[in-house]
Amino acid sequence: MPQGTLLTPLSIVLAFIGVIEATLAYRVTALAGTAQMIFVWFMVTFPALVLAGFFYIQISAPLSWYPPSELDRTSIERLQFLDYSATRLISFELLDKASKSGSKTIGEKSSPATEAVNLYERGEYEQALQLFRAAVAEKATSQSGSGVSSSAIAAAQVNLGTTLSSLGRLDEAANAFERALTIYSQIGDEPSTAIALNNLGSVYKSRGDYGRALATYEKSLEISRKVFGTEHPDSATTMNNLATVYAAMGDLARAQDLFQRSLATTEKVFGSNHPRTATALSNLASVYASMGELDRALELYQRALGVLTSGLGPDHPTTEAVRRNIEQLGGKNVDR
């Protein structure tokens, strides 16, 4: 089978129904009266229910049909922290065949002067979570008469949601982001609203709720374009995240268009030798691989590998992931 071709589960479903129908048709001849009538109705309704269930899943969550071995995709997720001065930590999540997921902090980052963020960056999420919870409680109880702003409370909720998301506690993370969004809506903080929406979109995507993920990312992108413009890193990253949802849904043409636009902006802002540009190249390559355009995919992966090797080193996890993608496509010249 060509690289990038997904096996459809429809043939499995139809074969399953066919076996059941043949078995029931054989058995029904041995019955009579009421028992035969019940059996006939079962033969009619059961396959219909199975097919209805299949098409419902196919429309609402098509990726759930496929095992990881059938997918060749690389995605990038941005989860951002906020503090009083709106400093940000940008975390990219890279997915490939060999490793289901792993958060890698690459590109530009700035560290707020909090132990919680330092713990998060070291991967000590549980310890960071306790401090973020304490920060939320402290800001909420000391808001009155202490000069703690609503924006600071919302930022603490964003930080809490980001950490919960990294721990896989997605429902709690969504609640934290939604509380932050309520505050940002009340005070009219559009830049922070775009960030919180983007993080919330990542939660929806992780839950397989692609419809809500699309709507949330699109709203985030609309605000980012309004506030920052189309050629801004935040707009480019949100476009990329939106593209990952379309790729997961199997809409590769739309994913390709968004990845290309995100790459163009990222390259213009950061230059061709920046790790963020390399990740954008890898994302676009993954779509070409899924579309069966292996030569174009290998070319982009090779470009990304060169940038990452020189910028992050040959042993960096992100570099390793791109190298694995090249090897899986049968590419050469991937030696360290």
C-alpha atoms as a PDB file:
ATOM      1  CA  MET A   1       0.000   0.000   0.000  1.00  0.00           C
ATOM      2  CA  PRO A   2       1.376   3.477  -0.848  1.00  0.00           C
ATOM      3  CA  GLN A   3       2.638   5.618   1.994  1.00  0.00           C
ATOM      4  CA  GLY A   4       0.046   8.013   3.356  1.00  0.00           C
ATOM      5  CA  THR A   5      -2.967   5.908   2.290  1.00  0.00           C
ATOM      6  CA  LEU A   6      -5.462   5.304   5.087  1.00  0.00           C
ATOM      7  CA  LEU A   7      -7.218   1.943   5.255  1.00  0.00           C
ATOM      8  CA  THR A   8     -10.969   2.529   5.273  1.00  0.00           C
ATOM      9  CA  PRO A   9     -12.900   0.646   7.979  1.00  0.00           C
ATOM     10  CA  LEU A  10     -16.026   0.477   5.792  1.00  0.00           C
ATOM     11  CA  SER A  11     -15.027  -2.872   4.290  1.00  0.00           C
ATOM     12  CA  ILE A  12     -14.707  -4.350   7.784  1.00  0.00           C
ATOM     13  CA  VAL A  13     -18.149  -3.078   8.764  1.00  0.00           C
ATOM     14  CA  LEU A  14     -19.760  -4.413   5.591  1.00  0.00           C
ATOM     15  CA  ALA A  15     -18.072  -7.798   5.962  1.00  0.00           C
ATOM     16  CA  PHE A  16     -19.311  -8.017   9.536  1.00  0.00           C
ATOM     17  CA  ILE A  17     -22.875  -7.232   8.475  1.00  0.00           C
ATOM     18  CA  GLY A  18     -22.658  -9.711   5.595  1.00  0.00           C
ATOM     19  CA  VAL A  19     -21.659 -12.561   7.909  1.00  0.00           C
ATOM     20  CA  ILE A  20     -24.513 -11.736  10.290  1.00  0.00           C
ATOM     21  CA  GLU A  21     -27.051 -11.530   7.472  1.00  0.00           C
ATOM     22  CA  ALA A  22     -25.962 -14.864   6.024  1.00  0.00           C
ATOM     23  CA  THR A  23     -26.144 -16.548   9.430  1.00  0.00           C
ATOM     24  CA  LEU A  24     -29.555 -15.121  10.218  1.00  0.00           C
ATOM     25  CA  ALA A  25     -30.939 -15.991   6.779  1.00  0.00           C
ATOM     26  CA  TYR A  26     -29.906 -19.608   7.355  1.00  0.00           C
ATOM     27  CA  ARG A  27     -31.404 -19.761  10.843  1.00  0.00           C
ATOM     28  CA  VAL A  28     -34.720 -18.079  10.020  1.00  0.00           C
ATOM     29  CA  THR A  29     -35.874 -21.041   7.940  1.00  0.00           C
ATOM     30  CA  ALA A  30     -35.871 -23.200  11.050  1.00  0.00           C
ATOM     31  CA  LEU A  31     -38.372 -20.964  12.831  1.00  0.00           C
ATOM     32  CA  ALA A  32     -42.091 -20.370  12.462  1.00  0.00           C
ATOM     33  CA  GLY A  33     -44.816 -18.052  13.698  1.00  0.00           C
ATOM     34  CA  THR A  34     -43.987 -15.240  16.122  1.00  0.00           C
ATOM     35  CA  ALA A  35     -40.396 -16.338  16.601  1.00  0.00           C
ATOM     36  CA  GLN A  36     -39.804 -16.143  12.860  1.00  0.00           C
ATOM     37  CA  MET A  37     -41.341 -12.640  12.692  1.00  0.00           C
ATOM     38  CA  ILE A  38     -39.123 -11.372  15.526  1.00  0.00           C
ATOM     39  CA  PHE A  39     -36.085 -12.855  13.822  1.00  0.00           C
ATOM     40  CA  VAL A  40     -36.971 -11.210  10.502  1.00  0.00           C
ATOM     41  CA  TRP A  41     -37.354  -7.787  12.141  1.00  0.00           C
ATOM     42  CA  PHE A  42     -34.021  -8.245  13.880  1.00  0.00           C
ATOM     43  CA  MET A  43     -32.394  -9.054  10.532  1.00  0.00           C
ATOM     44  CA  VAL A  44     -33.773  -5.839   9.083  1.00  0.00           C
ATOM     45  CA  THR A  45     -33.085  -3.420  11.945  1.00  0.00           C
ATOM     46  CA  PHE A  46     -29.717  -4.601  13.260  1.00  0.00           C
ATOM     47  CA  PRO A  47     -27.664  -3.925  10.094  1.00  0.00           C
ATOM     48  CA  ALA A  48     -29.385  -0.558   9.730  1.00  0.00           C
ATOM     49  CA  LEU A  49     -28.388   0.415  13.265  1.00  0.00           C
ATOM     50  CA  VAL A  50     -24.802  -0.719  12.696  1.00  0.00           C
ATOM     51  CA  LEU A  51     -24.551   1.341   9.507  1.00  0.00           C
ATOM     52  CA  ALA A  52     -26.130   4.379  11.186  1.00  0.00           C
ATOM     53  CA  GLY A  53     -23.586   4.115  14.004  1.00  0.00           C
ATOM     54  CA  PHE A  54     -20.748   3.787  11.515  1.00  0.00           C
ATOM     55  CA  PHE A  55     -21.699   6.894   9.557  1.00  0.00           C
ATOM     56  CA  TYR A  56     -22.253   8.877  12.756  1.00  0.00           C
ATOM     57  CA  ILE A  57     -18.711   8.112  13.924  1.00  0.00           C
ATOM     58  CA  GLN A  58     -17.337   8.651  10.423  1.00  0.00           C
ATOM     59  CA  ILE A  59     -18.781  12.169  10.405  1.00  0.00           C
ATOM     60  CA  SER A  60     -18.191  13.168  14.032  1.00  0.00           C
ATOM     61  CA  ALA A  61     -14.809  11.566  14.793  1.00  0.00           C
ATOM     62  CA  PRO A  62     -13.305   9.810  11.758  1.00  0.00           C
ATOM     63  CA  LEU A  63      -9.816   9.569  13.226  1.00  0.00           C
ATOM     64  CA  SER A  64     -11.068   7.167  15.905  1.00  0.00           C
ATOM     65  CA  TRP A  65     -11.367   4.395  13.279  1.00  0.00           C
ATOM     66  CA  TYR A  66      -7.647   4.302  12.528  1.00  0.00           C
ATOM     67  CA  PRO A  67      -4.817   2.773  14.552  1.00  0.00           C
ATOM     68  CA  PRO A  68      -1.712   4.930  15.147  1.00  0.00           C
ATOM     69  CA  SER A  69       0.231   2.840  12.640  1.00  0.00           C
ATOM     70  CA  GLU A  70      -2.054   4.099   9.872  1.00  0.00           C
ATOM     71  CA  LEU A  71      -1.367   7.756  10.600  1.00  0.00           C
ATOM     72  CA  ASP A  72       1.599   9.807   9.504  1.00  0.00           C
ATOM     73  CA  ARG A  73       1.086  13.254  10.871  1.00  0.00           C
ATOM     74  CA  THR A  74       3.035  15.882  12.704  1.00  0.00           C
ATOM     75  CA  SER A  75       1.200  18.562  14.599  1.00  0.00           C
ATOM     76  CA  ILE A  76       2.149  21.519  16.679  1.00  0.00           C
ATOM     77  CA  GLU A  77       0.151  22.857  19.568  1.00  0.00           C
ATOM     78  CA  ARG A  78       0.769  26.099  21.365  1.00  0.00           C
ATOM     79  CA  LEU A  79      -0.144  26.354  25.013  1.00  0.00           C
ATOM     80  CA  GLN A  80       0.622  29.722  26.548  1.00  0.00           C
ATOM     81  CA  PHE A  81       1.098  30.999  30.045  1.00  0.00           C
ATOM     82  CA  LEU A  82       0.155  34.501  31.113  1.00  0.00           C
ATOM     83  CA  ASP A  83       1.188  36.590  34.075  1.00  0.00           C
ATOM     84  CA  TYR A  84       0.811  40.219  35.092  1.00  0.00           C
ATOM     85  CA  SER A  85       2.934  41.458  32.193  1.00  0.00           C
ATOM     86  CA  ALA A  86       1.506  38.934  29.711  1.00  0.00           C
ATOM     87  CA  THR A  87       4.843  37.162  29.296  1.00  0.00           C
ATOM     88  CA  ARG A  88       4.425  33.923  27.439  1.00  0.00           C
ATOM     89  CA  LEU A  89       5.841  30.470  27.277  1.00  0.00           C
ATOM     90  CA  ILE A  90       5.259  28.781  23.941  1.00  0.00           C
ATOM     91  CA  SER A  91       5.125  24.999  23.966  1.00  0.00           C
ATOM     92  CA  PHE A  92       4.990  22.927  20.817  1.00  0.00           C
ATOM     93  CA  GLU A  93       3.626  19.399  20.806  1.00  0.00           C
ATOM     94  CA  LEU A  94       5.071  17.198  18.100  1.00  0.00           C
ATOM     95  CA  LEU A  95       3.362  13.957  17.120  1.00  0.00           C
ATOM     96  CA  ASP A  96       4.687  11.211  14.895  1.00  0.00           C
ATOM     97  CA  LYS A  97       4.302   7.493  14.321  1.00  0.00           C
ATOM     98  CA  ALA A  98       6.947   6.409  16.762  1.00  0.00           C
ATOM     99  CA  SER A  99       5.918   8.559  19.705  1.00  0.00           C
ATOM    100  CA  LYS A 100       2.313   9.352  20.437  1.00  0.00           C
ATOM    101  CA  SER A 101       3.042  12.746  21.897  1.00  0.00           C
ATOM    102  CA  GLY A 102       5.616  14.770  23.703  1.00  0.00           C
ATOM    103  CA  SER A 103       5.742  18.421  24.569  1.00  0.00           C
ATOM    104  CA  LYS A 104       8.908  20.140  23.433  1.00  0.00           C
ATOM    105  CA  THR A 105       9.609  23.758  24.224  1.00  0.00           C
ATOM    106  CA  ILE A 106      11.240  25.194  21.145  1.00  0.00           C
ATOM    107  CA  GLY A 107      11.392  28.550  19.465  1.00  0.00           C
ATOM    108  CA  GLU A 108      11.101  31.734  21.475  1.00  0.00           C
ATOM    109  CA  LYS A 109      10.185  31.605  25.103  1.00  0.00           C
ATOM    110  CA  SER A 110      10.184  33.934  28.066  1.00  0.00           C
ATOM    111  CA  SER A 111      10.066  32.737  31.666  1.00  0.00           C
ATOM    112  CA  PRO A 112       7.771  34.492  34.145  1.00  0.00           C
ATOM    113  CA  ALA A 113       9.404  34.850  37.546  1.00  0.00           C
ATOM    114  CA  THR A 114       7.411  32.050  39.141  1.00  0.00           C
ATOM    115  CA  GLU A 115       8.522  28.696  40.439  1.00  0.00           C
ATOM    116  CA  ALA A 116       5.404  27.135  38.951  1.00  0.00           C
ATOM    117  CA  VAL A 117       6.471  27.876  35.392  1.00  0.00           C
ATOM    118  CA  ASN A 118       9.994  26.643  36.128  1.00  0.00           C
ATOM    119  CA  LEU A 119       8.529  23.394  37.440  1.00  0.00           C
ATOM    120  CA  TYR A 120       6.331  23.094  34.355  1.00  0.00           C
ATOM    121  CA  GLU A 121       9.282  23.562  32.022  1.00  0.00           C
ATOM    122  CA  ARG A 122      11.115  20.766  33.831  1.00  0.00           C
ATOM    123  CA  GLY A 123       8.105  18.512  33.280  1.00  0.00           C
ATOM    124  CA  GLU A 124       7.146  18.471  36.959  1.00  0.00           C
ATOM    125  CA  TYR A 125       3.492  19.072  36.170  1.00  0.00           C
ATOM    126  CA  GLU A 126       1.972  17.869  39.431  1.00  0.00           C
ATOM    127  CA  GLN A 127       4.160  20.190  41.508  1.00  0.00           C
ATOM    128  CA  ALA A 128       3.467  23.049  39.115  1.00  0.00           C
ATOM    129  CA  LEU A 129      -0.242  22.328  39.356  1.00  0.00           C
ATOM    130  CA  GLN A 130      -0.228  22.745  43.132  1.00  0.00           C
ATOM    131  CA  LEU A 131       1.440  26.139  42.860  1.00  0.00           C
ATOM    132  CA  PHE A 132      -0.908  27.286  40.112  1.00  0.00           C
ATOM    133  CA  ARG A 133      -3.897  26.213  42.195  1.00  0.00           C
ATOM    134  CA  ALA A 134      -2.503  28.187  45.116  1.00  0.00           C
ATOM    135  CA  ALA A 135      -2.003  31.196  42.855  1.00  0.00           C
ATOM    136  CA  VAL A 136      -5.612  31.033  41.675  1.00  0.00           C
ATOM    137  CA  ALA A 137      -6.901  30.809  45.240  1.00  0.00           C
ATOM    138  CA  GLU A 138      -4.617  33.582  46.456  1.00  0.00           C
ATOM    139  CA  LYS A 139      -5.589  35.987  43.704  1.00  0.00           C
ATOM    140  CA  ALA A 140      -9.273  35.241  44.121  1.00  0.00           C
ATOM    141  CA  THR A 141      -9.256  35.814  47.907  1.00  0.00           C
ATOM    142  CA  SER A 142      -7.019  38.882  47.812  1.00  0.00           C
ATOM    143  CA  GLN A 143      -8.658  40.661  44.869  1.00  0.00           C
ATOM    144  CA  SER A 144     -10.780  42.954  47.004  1.00  0.00           C
ATOM    145  CA  GLY A 145      -8.805  45.945  48.236  1.00  0.00           C
ATOM    146  CA  SER A 146      -5.396  44.559  47.288  1.00  0.00           C
ATOM    147  CA  GLY A 147      -5.009  45.803  43.774  1.00  0.00           C
ATOM    148  CA  VAL A 148      -5.139  42.312  42.235  1.00  0.00           C
ATOM    149  CA  SER A 149      -6.849  42.774  38.895  1.00  0.00           C
ATOM    150  CA  SER A 150      -9.402  40.583  37.192  1.00  0.00           C
ATOM    151  CA  SER A 151      -6.851  40.124  34.412  1.00  0.00           C
ATOM    152  CA  ALA A 152      -4.388  38.586  36.885  1.00  0.00           C
ATOM    153  CA  ILE A 153      -7.028  36.131  38.085  1.00  0.00           C
ATOM    154  CA  ALA A 154      -7.861  35.175  34.500  1.00  0.00           C
ATOM    155  CA  ALA A 155      -4.158  34.716  33.722  1.00  0.00           C
ATOM    156  CA  ALA A 156      -3.844  32.393  36.717  1.00  0.00           C
ATOM    157  CA  GLN A 157      -6.764  30.369  35.345  1.00  0.00           C
ATOM    158  CA  VAL A 158      -5.033  30.126  31.954  1.00  0.00           C
ATOM    159  CA  ASN A 159      -1.863  28.877  33.653  1.00  0.00           C
ATOM    160  CA  LEU A 160      -3.875  26.359  35.642  1.00  0.00           C
ATOM    161  CA  GLY A 161      -5.682  25.154  32.512  1.00  0.00           C
ATOM    162  CA  THR A 162      -2.417  24.813  30.604  1.00  0.00           C
ATOM    163  CA  THR A 163      -0.947  22.583  33.296  1.00  0.00           C
ATOM    164  CA  LEU A 164      -4.095  20.492  33.618  1.00  0.00           C
ATOM    165  CA  SER A 165      -4.091  20.016  29.842  1.00  0.00           C
ATOM    166  CA  SER A 166      -0.518  18.730  29.928  1.00  0.00           C
ATOM    167  CA  LEU A 167      -1.554  16.265  32.634  1.00  0.00           C
ATOM    168  CA  GLY A 168      -4.377  14.991  30.433  1.00  0.00           C
ATOM    169  CA  ARG A 169      -7.084  16.300  32.758  1.00  0.00           C
ATOM    170  CA  LEU A 170      -8.955  17.818  29.878  1.00  0.00           C
ATOM    171  CA  ASP A 171     -12.350  18.499  31.430  1.00  0.00           C
ATOM    172  CA  GLU A 172     -10.762  20.428  34.291  1.00  0.00           C
ATOM    173  CA  ALA A 173      -8.537  22.280  31.824  1.00  0.00           C
ATOM    174  CA  ALA A 174     -11.552  23.282  29.728  1.00  0.00           C
ATOM    175  CA  ASN A 175     -13.308  24.621  32.824  1.00  0.00           C
ATOM    176  CA  ALA A 176     -10.271  26.720  33.761  1.00  0.00           C
ATOM    177  CA  PHE A 177      -9.981  28.192  30.259  1.00  0.00           C
ATOM    178  CA  GLU A 178     -13.715  28.923  30.169  1.00  0.00           C
ATOM    179  CA  ARG A 179     -13.506  30.778  33.499  1.00  0.00           C
ATOM    180  CA  ALA A 180     -10.638  32.833  32.124  1.00  0.00           C
ATOM    181  CA  LEU A 181     -12.593  33.587  28.955  1.00  0.00           C
ATOM    182  CA  THR A 182     -15.548  34.833  30.984  1.00  0.00           C
ATOM    183  CA  ILE A 183     -13.290  37.354  32.736  1.00  0.00           C
ATOM    184  CA  TYR A 184     -11.534  38.432  29.539  1.00  0.00           C
ATOM    185  CA  SER A 185     -14.903  38.985  27.889  1.00  0.00           C
ATOM    186  CA  GLN A 186     -16.008  41.191  30.758  1.00  0.00           C
ATOM    187  CA  ILE A 187     -12.881  43.366  30.702  1.00  0.00           C
ATOM    188  CA  GLY A 188     -12.475  43.357  26.914  1.00  0.00           C
ATOM    189  CA  ASP A 189      -8.963  41.887  26.807  1.00  0.00           C
ATOM    190  CA  GLU A 190      -8.886  40.615  23.228  1.00  0.00           C
ATOM    191  CA  PRO A 191      -5.202  39.536  22.997  1.00  0.00           C
ATOM    192  CA  SER A 192      -5.536  37.326  26.075  1.00  0.00           C
ATOM    193  CA  THR A 193      -8.913  36.085  24.829  1.00  0.00           C
ATOM    194  CA  ALA A 194      -7.221  34.831  21.657  1.00  0.00           C
ATOM    195  CA  ILE A 195      -4.641  32.936  23.730  1.00  0.00           C
ATOM    196  CA  ALA A 196      -7.223  31.345  26.026  1.00  0.00           C
ATOM    197  CA  LEU A 197      -9.363  30.350  23.041  1.00  0.00           C
ATOM    198  CA  ASN A 198      -6.367  28.773  21.355  1.00  0.00           C
ATOM    199  CA  ASN A 199      -5.585  26.721  24.440  1.00  0.00           C
ATOM    200  CA  LEU A 200      -9.226  25.705  24.774  1.00  0.00           C
ATOM    201  CA  GLY A 201      -9.236  24.621  21.124  1.00  0.00           C
ATOM    202  CA  SER A 202      -6.316  22.312  21.876  1.00  0.00           C
ATOM    203  CA  VAL A 203      -8.328  20.718  24.686  1.00  0.00           C
ATOM    204  CA  TYR A 204     -11.292  20.111  22.396  1.00  0.00           C
ATOM    205  CA  LYS A 205      -9.018  18.608  19.778  1.00  0.00           C
ATOM    206  CA  SER A 206      -7.421  16.292  22.343  1.00  0.00           C
ATOM    207  CA  ARG A 207     -10.896  15.121  23.339  1.00  0.00           C
ATOM    208  CA  GLY A 208     -11.712  14.357  19.700  1.00  0.00           C
ATOM    209  CA  ASP A 209     -14.386  17.082  19.608  1.00  0.00           C
ATOM    210  CA  TYR A 210     -13.263  18.410  16.242  1.00  0.00           C
ATOM    211  CA  GLY A 211     -16.353  20.523  15.595  1.00  0.00           C
ATOM    212  CA  ARG A 212     -15.850  22.584  18.742  1.00  0.00           C
ATOM    213  CA  ALA A 213     -12.094  22.666  18.181  1.00  0.00           C
ATOM    214  CA  LEU A 214     -12.607  24.161  14.709  1.00  0.00           C
ATOM    215  CA  ALA A 215     -15.042  26.783  15.962  1.00  0.00           C
ATOM    216  CA  THR A 216     -12.757  27.751  18.851  1.00  0.00           C
ATOM    217  CA  TYR A 217      -9.599  27.965  16.753  1.00  0.00           C
ATOM    218  CA  GLU A 218     -11.420  29.987  14.092  1.00  0.00           C
ATOM    219  CA  LYS A 219     -12.611  32.475  16.703  1.00  0.00           C
ATOM    220  CA  SER A 220      -9.088  32.711  18.107  1.00  0.00           C
ATOM    221  CA  LEU A 221      -7.710  33.271  14.615  1.00  0.00           C
ATOM    222  CA  GLU A 222     -10.288  35.971  13.902  1.00  0.00           C
ATOM    223  CA  ILE A 223      -9.267  37.877  17.029  1.00  0.00           C
ATOM    224  CA  SER A 224      -5.541  37.385  16.385  1.00  0.00           C
ATOM    225  CA  ARG A 225      -5.855  38.778  12.876  1.00  0.00           C
ATOM    226  CA  LYS A 226      -7.847  41.731  14.165  1.00  0.00           C
ATOM    227  CA  VAL A 227      -5.465  42.547  17.019  1.00  0.00           C
ATOM    228  CA  PHE A 228      -2.076  41.503  15.624  1.00  0.00           C
ATOM    229  CA  GLY A 229      -2.617  41.287  11.865  1.00  0.00           C
ATOM    230  CA  THR A 230      -2.320  38.354   9.490  1.00  0.00           C
ATOM    231  CA  GLU A 231       1.486  38.271   9.478  1.00  0.00           C
ATOM    232  CA  HIS A 232       2.001  37.801  13.188  1.00  0.00           C
ATOM    233  CA  PRO A 233       3.375  34.713  14.997  1.00  0.00           C
ATOM    234  CA  ASP A 234       0.171  34.267  17.003  1.00  0.00           C
ATOM    235  CA  SER A 235      -1.934  34.291  13.841  1.00  0.00           C
ATOM    236  CA  ALA A 236       0.435  31.863  12.141  1.00  0.00           C
ATOM    237  CA  THR A 237       0.408  29.445  15.058  1.00  0.00           C
ATOM    238  CA  THR A 238      -3.370  29.492  15.371  1.00  0.00           C
ATOM    239  CA  MET A 239      -3.631  28.848  11.620  1.00  0.00           C
ATOM    240  CA  ASN A 240      -1.330  25.888  12.129  1.00  0.00           C
ATOM    241  CA  ASN A 241      -3.411  24.533  14.997  1.00  0.00           C
ATOM    242  CA  LEU A 242      -6.553  24.909  12.902  1.00  0.00           C
ATOM    243  CA  ALA A 243      -4.830  22.963  10.135  1.00  0.00           C
ATOM    244  CA  THR A 244      -4.062  20.076  12.497  1.00  0.00           C
ATOM    245  CA  VAL A 245      -7.790  19.633  13.141  1.00  0.00           C
ATOM    246  CA  TYR A 246      -8.580  19.544   9.426  1.00  0.00           C
ATOM    247  CA  ALA A 247      -5.791  16.988   8.973  1.00  0.00           C
ATOM    248  CA  ALA A 248      -7.218  14.859  11.770  1.00  0.00           C
ATOM    249  CA  MET A 249     -10.635  15.021  10.101  1.00  0.00           C
ATOM    250  CA  GLY A 250      -9.153  13.882   6.793  1.00  0.00           C
ATOM    251  CA  ASP A 251      -9.605  17.226   5.008  1.00  0.00           C
ATOM    252  CA  LEU A 252      -6.032  17.254   3.733  1.00  0.00           C
ATOM    253  CA  ALA A 253      -6.574  19.912   1.050  1.00  0.00           C
ATOM    254  CA  ARG A 254      -7.722  22.492   3.587  1.00  0.00           C
ATOM    255  CA  ALA A 255      -5.009  21.437   6.032  1.00  0.00           C
ATOM    256  CA  GLN A 256      -2.401  21.847   3.302  1.00  0.00           C
ATOM    257  CA  ASP A 257      -3.575  25.375   2.489  1.00  0.00           C
ATOM    258  CA  LEU A 258      -3.480  26.475   6.126  1.00  0.00           C
ATOM    259  CA  PHE A 259      -0.097  24.860   6.775  1.00  0.00           C
ATOM    260  CA  GLN A 260       1.343  26.637   3.723  1.00  0.00           C
ATOM    261  CA  ARG A 261       0.025  29.998   4.876  1.00  0.00           C
ATOM    262  CA  SER A 262       1.308  29.399   8.395  1.00  0.00           C
ATOM    263  CA  LEU A 263       4.724  28.417   7.040  1.00  0.00           C
ATOM    264  CA  ALA A 264       4.924  31.537   4.867  1.00  0.00           C
ATOM    265  CA  THR A 265       4.240  33.812   7.840  1.00  0.00           C
ATOM    266  CA  THR A 266       6.522  31.913  10.210  1.00  0.00           C
ATOM    267  CA  GLU A 267       9.396  32.000   7.724  1.00  0.00           C
ATOM    268  CA  LYS A 268       8.880  35.712   7.100  1.00  0.00           C
ATOM    269  CA  VAL A 269       8.833  36.566  10.805  1.00  0.00           C
ATOM    270  CA  PHE A 270      11.512  34.205  12.150  1.00  0.00           C
ATOM    271  CA  GLY A 271      13.601  33.452   9.086  1.00  0.00           C
ATOM    272  CA  SER A 272      14.313  30.200   7.276  1.00  0.00           C
ATOM    273  CA  ASN A 273      16.730  28.847   9.903  1.00  0.00           C
ATOM    274  CA  HIS A 274      14.519  29.132  12.970  1.00  0.00           C
ATOM    275  CA  PRO A 275      13.198  26.041  14.828  1.00  0.00           C
ATOM    276  CA  ARG A 276       9.623  27.272  14.497  1.00  0.00           C
ATOM    277  CA  THR A 277      10.070  27.415  10.732  1.00  0.00           C
ATOM    278  CA  ALA A 278      11.461  23.884  10.811  1.00  0.00           C
ATOM    279  CA  THR A 279       8.411  22.655  12.692  1.00  0.00           C
ATOM    280  CA  ALA A 280       6.108  24.373  10.203  1.00  0.00           C
ATOM    281  CA  LEU A 281       8.023  22.662   7.377  1.00  0.00           C
ATOM    282  CA  SER A 282       7.576  19.308   9.096  1.00  0.00           C
ATOM    283  CA  ASN A 283       3.843  19.875   9.534  1.00  0.00           C
ATOM    284  CA  LEU A 284       3.382  20.615   5.842  1.00  0.00           C
ATOM    285  CA  ALA A 285       5.527  17.613   4.957  1.00  0.00           C
ATOM    286  CA  SER A 286       3.270  15.330   6.976  1.00  0.00           C
ATOM    287  CA  VAL A 287       0.261  16.400   4.902  1.00  0.00           C
ATOM    288  CA  TYR A 288       2.103  15.760   1.635  1.00  0.00           C
ATOM    289  CA  ALA A 289       3.054  12.320   2.963  1.00  0.00           C
ATOM    290  CA  SER A 290      -0.584  11.555   3.783  1.00  0.00           C
ATOM    291  CA  MET A 291      -1.559  12.682   0.271  1.00  0.00           C
ATOM    292  CA  GLY A 292       1.005  10.293  -1.235  1.00  0.00           C
ATOM    293  CA  GLU A 293       3.298  13.077  -2.500  1.00  0.00           C
ATOM    294  CA  LEU A 294       6.387  11.491  -1.006  1.00  0.00           C
ATOM    295  CA  ASP A 295       9.023  13.450  -2.936  1.00  0.00           C
ATOM    296  CA  ARG A 296       7.646  16.788  -1.742  1.00  0.00           C
ATOM    297  CA  ALA A 297       7.276  15.428   1.791  1.00  0.00           C
ATOM    298  CA  LEU A 298      10.879  14.201   1.889  1.00  0.00           C
ATOM    299  CA  GLU A 299      12.174  17.511   0.552  1.00  0.00           C
ATOM    300  CA  LEU A 300      10.431  19.456   3.320  1.00  0.00           C
ATOM    301  CA  TYR A 301      11.428  16.973   6.016  1.00  0.00           C
ATOM    302  CA  GLN A 302      15.062  17.213   4.890  1.00  0.00           C
ATOM    303  CA  ARG A 303      14.936  21.017   5.092  1.00  0.00           C
ATOM    304  CA  ALA A 304      13.413  20.816   8.557  1.00  0.00           C
ATOM    305  CA  LEU A 305      16.017  18.288   9.692  1.00  0.00           C
ATOM    306  CA  GLY A 306      18.858  20.552   8.561  1.00  0.00           C
ATOM    307  CA  VAL A 307      17.491  23.510  10.492  1.00  0.00           C
ATOM    308  CA  LEU A 308      16.787  21.497  13.639  1.00  0.00           C
ATOM    309  CA  THR A 309      20.156  19.738  13.589  1.00  0.00           C
ATOM    310  CA  SER A 310      22.039  23.004  13.437  1.00  0.00           C
ATOM    311  CA  GLY A 311      19.725  24.901  15.764  1.00  0.00           C
ATOM    312  CA  LEU A 312      18.757  22.354  18.425  1.00  0.00           C
ATOM    313  CA  GLY A 313      21.357  19.648  17.889  1.00  0.00           C
ATOM    314  CA  PRO A 314      21.163  16.140  16.405  1.00  0.00           C
ATOM    315  CA  ASP A 315      19.977  14.520  19.645  1.00  0.00           C
ATOM    316  CA  HIS A 316      17.131  16.900  20.454  1.00  0.00           C
ATOM    317  CA  PRO A 317      13.752  15.088  20.678  1.00  0.00           C
ATOM    318  CA  THR A 318      12.258  17.283  17.962  1.00  0.00           C
ATOM    319  CA  THR A 319      15.188  16.558  15.647  1.00  0.00           C
ATOM    320  CA  GLU A 320      14.848  12.854  16.379  1.00  0.00           C
ATOM    321  CA  ALA A 321      11.136  12.906  15.561  1.00  0.00           C
ATOM    322  CA  VAL A 322      11.698  14.504  12.159  1.00  0.00           C
ATOM    323  CA  ARG A 323      14.500  12.040  11.446  1.00  0.00           C
ATOM    324  CA  ARG A 324      12.126   9.162  12.190  1.00  0.00           C
ATOM    325  CA  ASN A 325       9.568  10.593   9.781  1.00  0.00           C
ATOM    326  CA  ILE A 326      12.203  10.676   7.032  1.00  0.00           C
ATOM    327  CA  GLU A 327      13.278   7.108   7.728  1.00  0.00           C
ATOM    328  CA  GLN A 328       9.670   5.893   7.672  1.00  0.00           C
ATOM    329  CA  LEU A 329       9.242   7.412   4.220  1.00  0.00           C
ATOM    330  CA  GLY A 330      12.376   5.642   3.016  1.00  0.00           C
ATOM    331  CA  GLY A 331      14.472   8.806   2.941  1.00  0.00           C
ATOM    332  CA  LYS A 332      18.239   8.842   2.920  1.00  0.00           C
ATOM    333  CA  ASN A 333      20.924  11.058   4.407  1.00  0.00           C
ATOM    334  CA  VAL A 334      19.474  11.064   7.889  1.00  0.00           C
ATOM    335  CA  ASP A 335      22.695  10.208   9.673  1.00  0.00           C
ATOM    336  CA  ARG A 336      23.610  12.316  12.651  1.00  0.00           C
END
